[in-house]
Amino acid sequence: MTRPAEALYQQIAESIASPIRAGTLRRGERLPSVRRLASERGVSQATAVQALRLLEDSRLVEARPRSGYFVAARA
């Protein structure tokens, strides 16, 4: 059984992954900050970070220190 918080960060990750796969978000494009993503989605910053880390694990996005998250060069 899936926990609600788990499903939420997966839903957020998928909502970002879809436009990356479709080419709407292009390589090197900057994603919203963790704070902005959390605010826009009405979730905690921890949930936003979990979603971005899931995308990082899938190699769809990359974190750049002190710069934020970007669509990976080889998405």
Protein backbone atom coordinates (compact mmCIF):
# COMPACT_ATOMS: atom_id res chain seq x y z
CA MET A 1 0.00 0.00 0.00
CA THR A 2 1.30 3.47 -0.94
CA ARG A 3 1.55 6.14 1.71
CA PRO A 4 -0.12 9.46 0.81
CA ALA A 5 3.09 11.52 1.12
CA GLU A 6 4.88 9.06 -1.14
CA ALA A 7 2.21 9.33 -3.79
CA LEU A 8 2.29 13.12 -3.61
CA TYR A 9 5.99 13.53 -4.37
CA GLN A 10 5.70 10.95 -7.14
CA GLN A 11 2.80 12.90 -8.66
CA ILE A 12 4.84 16.10 -8.56
CA ALA A 13 7.84 14.35 -10.10
CA GLU A 14 5.68 12.94 -12.90
CA SER A 15 4.14 16.34 -13.58
CA ILE A 16 7.67 17.65 -14.21
CA ALA A 17 8.93 14.54 -16.02
CA SER A 18 6.13 14.58 -18.61
CA PRO A 19 7.05 17.95 -20.16
CA ILE A 20 10.73 16.99 -20.08
CA ARG A 21 10.00 13.79 -22.03
CA ALA A 22 7.71 15.69 -24.40
CA GLY A 23 10.40 18.28 -25.07
CA THR A 24 8.40 21.16 -23.61
CA LEU A 25 11.10 21.62 -21.00
CA ARG A 26 14.41 21.59 -22.83
CA ARG A 27 17.90 20.52 -21.87
CA GLY A 28 19.58 22.97 -19.57
CA GLU A 29 16.34 24.77 -18.72
CA ARG A 30 16.09 25.86 -15.12
CA LEU A 31 13.34 24.41 -12.96
CA PRO A 32 11.55 26.34 -10.21
CA SER A 33 13.39 26.61 -6.91
CA VAL A 34 12.49 24.22 -4.12
CA ARG A 35 10.68 27.01 -2.28
CA ARG A 36 8.74 28.09 -5.34
CA LEU A 37 7.82 24.53 -6.29
CA ALA A 38 6.61 23.85 -2.74
CA SER A 39 4.60 27.06 -2.70
CA GLU A 40 3.04 26.50 -6.14
CA ARG A 41 2.05 22.92 -5.31
CA GLY A 42 0.98 23.62 -1.74
CA VAL A 43 3.40 21.08 -0.26
CA SER A 44 6.29 21.18 2.17
CA GLN A 45 9.81 21.91 0.95
CA ALA A 46 10.76 18.36 1.98
CA THR A 47 8.15 16.94 -0.41
CA ALA A 48 9.41 19.21 -3.21
CA VAL A 49 12.98 18.05 -2.58
CA GLN A 50 11.85 14.40 -2.64
CA ALA A 51 10.21 14.96 -6.03
CA LEU A 52 13.33 16.62 -7.44
CA ARG A 53 15.58 13.89 -6.07
CA LEU A 54 13.37 11.27 -7.70
CA LEU A 55 13.83 13.10 -11.01
CA GLU A 56 17.57 13.29 -10.33
CA ASP A 57 17.67 9.53 -9.73
CA SER A 58 15.90 9.09 -13.08
CA ARG A 59 18.56 11.32 -14.65
CA LEU A 60 15.95 13.74 -15.95
CA VAL A 61 17.21 16.67 -13.89
CA GLU A 62 20.50 17.66 -12.34
CA ALA A 63 21.25 19.75 -9.30
CA ARG A 64 23.84 22.47 -9.68
CA PRO A 65 25.28 23.69 -6.39
CA ARG A 66 24.03 27.17 -5.47
CA SER A 67 22.16 27.39 -8.79
CA GLY A 68 19.19 25.04 -8.45
CA TYR A 69 17.78 22.24 -10.54
CA PHE A 70 18.00 22.03 -14.32
CA VAL A 71 16.76 19.67 -17.01
CA ALA A 72 19.61 17.23 -17.53
CA ALA A 73 21.76 17.59 -20.63
CA ARG A 74 20.90 14.00 -21.62
CA ALA A 75 17.23 13.91 -20.62
